[in-house]
Amino acid sequence: LDLERIARHTRGGIAKGTRDDQTALLDFGVLSADGDRAARLELAKLYEHRLRDPARALETALAGTSEPAEDAERRRVRLERKADRARQLGLAQPPRELSPSRRSKPTRK
C-alpha cells in the first residue's frame, strides 16, 4: 500500500471529523483525482452536507463512489432533487467560502 495514500485518507478522515473542511477537501480531492472511489464518496458528502452544494456533490458522486449500487442510486436521486430545488429557487451558486468558525469545532471537556 502507498503510504502517502494511507496518510491522506487518515488525515482527511480526522479533518472531516474535526470539521477542518479545507484540509478534508484537499486530501479527499487529491485522492479522488487519482481515482480513489472511497475518497470520492467522502468528497461528495462534504459537498452535500458541509458546503451545501448539491450540484457539486452530484457531479462528484456520478464519477463513481465505493458505496453499493443501491446506496449510490439513493444518493443520486436525493442530490438531483436538491440540486433542482436550488436551481428553481435561484440558489444555485458557487460553493460558499468556509468561514473560520466552520473550519474547526470547539473541543469538548
N, C-alpha and C. Protein backbone atom coordinates (compact mmCIF):
# COMPACT_ATOMS: atom_id res chain seq x y z
N LEU A 1 0.83 -1.19 0.00
CA LEU A 1 0.00 0.00 0.00
C LEU A 1 0.88 1.25 0.00
N ASP A 2 0.35 2.26 -0.63
CA ASP A 2 1.07 3.52 -0.74
C ASP A 2 0.91 4.31 0.55
N LEU A 3 2.01 4.60 1.20
CA LEU A 3 1.99 5.29 2.49
C LEU A 3 1.35 6.69 2.40
N GLU A 4 1.64 7.40 1.32
CA GLU A 4 1.05 8.74 1.17
C GLU A 4 -0.47 8.65 1.05
N ARG A 5 -0.97 7.65 0.33
CA ARG A 5 -2.41 7.46 0.17
C ARG A 5 -3.06 7.18 1.54
N ILE A 6 -2.44 6.30 2.30
CA ILE A 6 -2.95 5.97 3.64
C ILE A 6 -2.95 7.22 4.52
N ALA A 7 -1.88 7.97 4.45
CA ALA A 7 -1.77 9.19 5.26
C ALA A 7 -2.85 10.20 4.87
N ARG A 8 -3.09 10.37 3.58
CA ARG A 8 -4.13 11.32 3.13
C ARG A 8 -5.52 10.87 3.58
N HIS A 9 -5.79 9.56 3.48
CA HIS A 9 -7.09 9.04 3.95
C HIS A 9 -7.25 9.30 5.45
N THR A 10 -6.21 9.02 6.20
CA THR A 10 -6.27 9.20 7.64
C THR A 10 -6.44 10.67 8.00
N ARG A 11 -5.60 11.52 7.42
CA ARG A 11 -5.69 12.96 7.72
C ARG A 11 -7.03 13.53 7.26
N GLY A 12 -7.50 13.11 6.09
CA GLY A 12 -8.78 13.58 5.60
C GLY A 12 -9.92 13.18 6.52
N GLY A 13 -9.88 11.95 7.01
CA GLY A 13 -10.92 11.49 7.94
C GLY A 13 -10.89 12.24 9.25
N ILE A 14 -9.70 12.47 9.77
CA ILE A 14 -9.57 13.24 11.02
C ILE A 14 -10.04 14.67 10.78
N ALA A 15 -9.64 15.25 9.68
CA ALA A 15 -10.05 16.63 9.36
C ALA A 15 -11.57 16.73 9.24
N LYS A 16 -12.17 15.77 8.58
CA LYS A 16 -13.62 15.77 8.44
C LYS A 16 -14.28 15.68 9.81
N GLY A 17 -13.78 14.81 10.65
CA GLY A 17 -14.35 14.64 11.99
C GLY A 17 -14.19 15.84 12.88
N THR A 18 -13.15 16.63 12.67
CA THR A 18 -12.93 17.82 13.48
C THR A 18 -13.42 19.09 12.78
N ARG A 19 -14.12 18.89 11.67
CA ARG A 19 -14.70 20.00 10.88
C ARG A 19 -13.64 20.92 10.26
N ASP A 20 -12.48 20.38 10.02
CA ASP A 20 -11.45 21.10 9.27
C ASP A 20 -11.72 20.80 7.79
N ASP A 21 -12.76 21.44 7.27
CA ASP A 21 -13.25 21.12 5.94
C ASP A 21 -12.24 21.39 4.83
N GLN A 22 -11.45 22.42 4.96
CA GLN A 22 -10.48 22.73 3.91
C GLN A 22 -9.44 21.61 3.76
N THR A 23 -8.94 21.10 4.87
CA THR A 23 -7.97 20.01 4.81
C THR A 23 -8.63 18.75 4.26
N ALA A 24 -9.85 18.46 4.73
CA ALA A 24 -10.56 17.28 4.24
C ALA A 24 -10.80 17.37 2.74
N LEU A 25 -11.24 18.54 2.27
CA LEU A 25 -11.47 18.73 0.83
C LEU A 25 -10.18 18.54 0.04
N LEU A 26 -9.08 19.06 0.56
CA LEU A 26 -7.80 18.93 -0.11
C LEU A 26 -7.38 17.46 -0.21
N ASP A 27 -7.37 16.77 0.91
CA ASP A 27 -6.91 15.38 0.92
C ASP A 27 -7.82 14.47 0.10
N PHE A 28 -9.12 14.55 0.32
CA PHE A 28 -10.03 13.70 -0.44
C PHE A 28 -10.06 14.11 -1.92
N GLY A 29 -9.85 15.39 -2.20
CA GLY A 29 -9.80 15.84 -3.60
C GLY A 29 -8.61 15.26 -4.35
N VAL A 30 -7.45 15.25 -3.71
CA VAL A 30 -6.24 14.67 -4.33
C VAL A 30 -6.46 13.18 -4.59
N LEU A 31 -6.98 12.49 -3.58
CA LEU A 31 -7.22 11.05 -3.72
C LEU A 31 -8.27 10.76 -4.78
N SER A 32 -9.31 11.57 -4.82
CA SER A 32 -10.38 11.41 -5.81
C SER A 32 -9.85 11.60 -7.23
N ALA A 33 -8.98 12.58 -7.40
CA ALA A 33 -8.40 12.84 -8.72
C ALA A 33 -7.56 11.66 -9.19
N ASP A 34 -7.04 10.87 -8.24
CA ASP A 34 -6.26 9.67 -8.57
C ASP A 34 -7.15 8.45 -8.75
N GLY A 35 -8.48 8.65 -8.70
CA GLY A 35 -9.41 7.55 -8.93
C GLY A 35 -9.85 6.79 -7.69
N ASP A 36 -9.60 7.33 -6.53
CA ASP A 36 -9.98 6.67 -5.28
C ASP A 36 -11.48 6.86 -5.03
N ARG A 37 -12.25 5.79 -5.18
CA ARG A 37 -13.70 5.85 -5.08
C ARG A 37 -14.18 6.11 -3.65
N ALA A 38 -13.47 5.61 -2.66
CA ALA A 38 -13.85 5.86 -1.26
C ALA A 38 -13.67 7.35 -0.93
N ALA A 39 -12.58 7.93 -1.41
CA ALA A 39 -12.34 9.36 -1.18
C ALA A 39 -13.39 10.20 -1.92
N ARG A 40 -13.80 9.74 -3.09
CA ARG A 40 -14.83 10.46 -3.85
C ARG A 40 -16.15 10.48 -3.08
N LEU A 41 -16.47 9.39 -2.39
CA LEU A 41 -17.68 9.35 -1.57
C LEU A 41 -17.58 10.37 -0.44
N GLU A 42 -16.44 10.42 0.23
CA GLU A 42 -16.26 11.40 1.31
C GLU A 42 -16.34 12.83 0.79
N LEU A 43 -15.80 13.05 -0.37
CA LEU A 43 -15.85 14.37 -1.00
C LEU A 43 -17.30 14.75 -1.32
N ALA A 44 -18.07 13.82 -1.86
CA ALA A 44 -19.48 14.09 -2.16
C ALA A 44 -20.24 14.44 -0.88
N LYS A 45 -19.96 13.73 0.20
CA LYS A 45 -20.62 14.02 1.48
C LYS A 45 -20.27 15.41 1.98
N LEU A 46 -18.99 15.79 1.84
CA LEU A 46 -18.58 17.13 2.26
C LEU A 46 -19.30 18.21 1.44
N TYR A 47 -19.35 18.02 0.13
CA TYR A 47 -20.04 19.00 -0.71
C TYR A 47 -21.51 19.10 -0.36
N GLU A 48 -22.14 17.97 -0.08
CA GLU A 48 -23.57 17.99 0.21
C GLU A 48 -23.86 18.58 1.59
N HIS A 49 -23.19 18.10 2.60
CA HIS A 49 -23.57 18.43 3.97
C HIS A 49 -22.84 19.63 4.57
N ARG A 50 -21.60 19.84 4.23
CA ARG A 50 -20.85 20.95 4.82
C ARG A 50 -20.89 22.19 3.95
N LEU A 51 -20.69 22.04 2.65
CA LEU A 51 -20.68 23.20 1.77
C LEU A 51 -22.05 23.50 1.20
N ARG A 52 -22.98 22.59 1.40
CA ARG A 52 -24.35 22.77 0.90
C ARG A 52 -24.37 23.05 -0.60
N ASP A 53 -23.64 22.24 -1.34
CA ASP A 53 -23.53 22.39 -2.79
C ASP A 53 -23.97 21.07 -3.44
N PRO A 54 -25.29 20.85 -3.56
CA PRO A 54 -25.77 19.57 -4.08
C PRO A 54 -25.35 19.30 -5.53
N ALA A 55 -25.22 20.33 -6.34
CA ALA A 55 -24.81 20.12 -7.74
C ALA A 55 -23.39 19.56 -7.80
N ARG A 56 -22.51 20.10 -7.01
CA ARG A 56 -21.12 19.61 -6.99
C ARG A 56 -21.04 18.22 -6.35
N ALA A 57 -21.86 18.00 -5.32
CA ALA A 57 -21.92 16.67 -4.70
C ALA A 57 -22.41 15.64 -5.71
N LEU A 58 -23.40 16.00 -6.49
CA LEU A 58 -23.93 15.10 -7.51
C LEU A 58 -22.88 14.79 -8.57
N GLU A 59 -22.21 15.82 -9.04
CA GLU A 59 -21.14 15.64 -10.03
C GLU A 59 -20.07 14.68 -9.51
N THR A 60 -19.70 14.86 -8.26
CA THR A 60 -18.68 14.01 -7.64
C THR A 60 -19.18 12.58 -7.50
N ALA A 61 -20.40 12.42 -7.03
CA ALA A 61 -20.97 11.08 -6.83
C ALA A 61 -21.13 10.35 -8.16
N LEU A 62 -21.52 11.06 -9.20
CA LEU A 62 -21.72 10.43 -10.51
C LEU A 62 -20.40 9.92 -11.12
N ALA A 63 -19.29 10.44 -10.64
CA ALA A 63 -17.99 9.98 -11.13
C ALA A 63 -17.67 8.58 -10.59
N GLY A 64 -18.46 8.12 -9.60
CA GLY A 64 -18.30 6.78 -9.07
C GLY A 64 -17.74 6.79 -7.66
N THR A 65 -18.45 6.10 -6.78
CA THR A 65 -18.01 6.01 -5.38
C THR A 65 -17.91 4.55 -4.98
N SER A 66 -17.48 4.33 -3.77
CA SER A 66 -17.28 2.98 -3.27
C SER A 66 -18.54 2.39 -2.64
N GLU A 67 -19.63 3.15 -2.60
CA GLU A 67 -20.82 2.63 -1.93
C GLU A 67 -21.58 1.65 -2.82
N PRO A 68 -22.37 0.76 -2.22
CA PRO A 68 -23.15 -0.20 -3.00
C PRO A 68 -24.09 0.51 -3.98
N ALA A 69 -24.43 -0.15 -5.07
CA ALA A 69 -25.24 0.45 -6.13
C ALA A 69 -26.56 1.02 -5.62
N GLU A 70 -27.21 0.31 -4.71
CA GLU A 70 -28.50 0.78 -4.18
C GLU A 70 -28.32 2.09 -3.42
N ASP A 71 -27.27 2.18 -2.63
CA ASP A 71 -27.00 3.41 -1.88
C ASP A 71 -26.61 4.55 -2.82
N ALA A 72 -25.83 4.22 -3.84
CA ALA A 72 -25.41 5.24 -4.81
C ALA A 72 -26.63 5.80 -5.55
N GLU A 73 -27.56 4.92 -5.89
CA GLU A 73 -28.78 5.37 -6.58
C GLU A 73 -29.62 6.27 -5.67
N ARG A 74 -29.74 5.90 -4.42
CA ARG A 74 -30.50 6.72 -3.46
C ARG A 74 -29.83 8.10 -3.32
N ARG A 75 -28.51 8.12 -3.25
CA ARG A 75 -27.77 9.38 -3.15
C ARG A 75 -27.99 10.23 -4.41
N ARG A 76 -27.91 9.58 -5.58
CA ARG A 76 -28.10 10.30 -6.84
C ARG A 76 -29.47 10.97 -6.90
N VAL A 77 -30.52 10.21 -6.57
CA VAL A 77 -31.89 10.74 -6.60
C VAL A 77 -32.02 11.92 -5.64
N ARG A 78 -31.50 11.76 -4.43
CA ARG A 78 -31.59 12.84 -3.43
C ARG A 78 -30.84 14.09 -3.89
N LEU A 79 -29.64 13.91 -4.42
CA LEU A 79 -28.86 15.06 -4.86
C LEU A 79 -29.47 15.74 -6.08
N GLU A 80 -30.03 14.96 -6.99
CA GLU A 80 -30.72 15.58 -8.14
C GLU A 80 -31.88 16.43 -7.66
N ARG A 81 -32.65 15.90 -6.70
CA ARG A 81 -33.79 16.64 -6.16
C ARG A 81 -33.32 17.93 -5.48
N LYS A 82 -32.27 17.84 -4.68
CA LYS A 82 -31.74 19.03 -4.01
C LYS A 82 -31.19 20.05 -5.00
N ALA A 83 -30.46 19.58 -6.01
CA ALA A 83 -29.87 20.49 -7.00
C ALA A 83 -30.97 21.18 -7.80
N ASP A 84 -32.02 20.42 -8.18
CA ASP A 84 -33.14 21.01 -8.92
C ASP A 84 -33.85 22.06 -8.09
N ARG A 85 -34.07 21.75 -6.82
CA ARG A 85 -34.74 22.71 -5.93
C ARG A 85 -33.91 23.98 -5.78
N ALA A 86 -32.60 23.84 -5.65
CA ALA A 86 -31.74 25.01 -5.53
C ALA A 86 -31.79 25.87 -6.79
N ARG A 87 -31.78 25.21 -7.95
CA ARG A 87 -31.87 25.96 -9.21
C ARG A 87 -33.20 26.69 -9.32
N GLN A 88 -34.29 26.03 -8.96
CA GLN A 88 -35.62 26.64 -9.04
C GLN A 88 -35.75 27.85 -8.13
N LEU A 89 -35.11 27.78 -7.00
CA LEU A 89 -35.17 28.88 -6.04
C LEU A 89 -34.12 29.95 -6.30
N GLY A 90 -33.32 29.73 -7.35
CA GLY A 90 -32.27 30.69 -7.66
C GLY A 90 -31.11 30.63 -6.69
N LEU A 91 -30.95 29.49 -6.03
CA LEU A 91 -29.89 29.35 -5.04
C LEU A 91 -28.63 28.75 -5.61
N ALA A 92 -28.70 28.29 -6.86
CA ALA A 92 -27.51 27.69 -7.46
C ALA A 92 -26.43 28.74 -7.56
N GLN A 93 -25.33 28.48 -6.93
CA GLN A 93 -24.23 29.43 -6.91
C GLN A 93 -22.94 28.68 -6.63
N PRO A 94 -21.81 29.32 -6.83
CA PRO A 94 -20.55 28.65 -6.50
C PRO A 94 -20.52 28.30 -5.02
N PRO A 95 -19.75 27.28 -4.64
CA PRO A 95 -19.67 26.90 -3.23
C PRO A 95 -19.25 28.08 -2.38
N ARG A 96 -19.86 28.17 -1.22
CA ARG A 96 -19.52 29.29 -0.33
C ARG A 96 -18.16 29.06 0.31
N GLU A 97 -17.56 30.16 0.68
CA GLU A 97 -16.27 30.08 1.36
C GLU A 97 -16.50 29.56 2.77
N LEU A 98 -15.55 28.85 3.27
CA LEU A 98 -15.64 28.38 4.64
C LEU A 98 -15.20 29.49 5.58
N SER A 99 -16.06 29.81 6.51
CA SER A 99 -15.69 30.82 7.49
C SER A 99 -14.81 30.16 8.55
N PRO A 100 -14.03 30.94 9.26
CA PRO A 100 -13.17 30.36 10.30
C PRO A 100 -13.97 29.54 11.31
N SER A 101 -15.20 29.96 11.61
CA SER A 101 -16.00 29.23 12.60
C SER A 101 -16.42 27.86 12.08
N ARG A 102 -16.46 27.65 10.77
CA ARG A 102 -16.84 26.36 10.20
C ARG A 102 -15.62 25.46 9.99
N ARG A 103 -14.43 26.00 10.16
CA ARG A 103 -13.22 25.21 9.93
C ARG A 103 -12.92 24.29 11.09
N SER A 104 -13.26 24.71 12.28
CA SER A 104 -12.94 23.85 13.41
C SER A 104 -14.09 23.84 14.39
N LYS A 105 -14.22 22.71 15.05
CA LYS A 105 -15.28 22.52 16.01
C LYS A 105 -14.69 22.72 17.40
N PRO A 106 -15.43 23.36 18.29
CA PRO A 106 -14.90 23.54 19.65
C PRO A 106 -14.63 22.18 20.30
N THR A 107 -13.60 22.15 21.10
CA THR A 107 -13.27 20.90 21.77
C THR A 107 -14.15 20.71 22.99
N ARG A 108 -14.47 19.46 23.28
CA ARG A 108 -15.29 19.15 24.45
C ARG A 108 -14.39 18.90 25.64
N LYS A 109 -14.88 19.24 26.80
CA LYS A 109 -14.13 18.99 28.03
C LYS A 109 -14.78 17.91 28.84
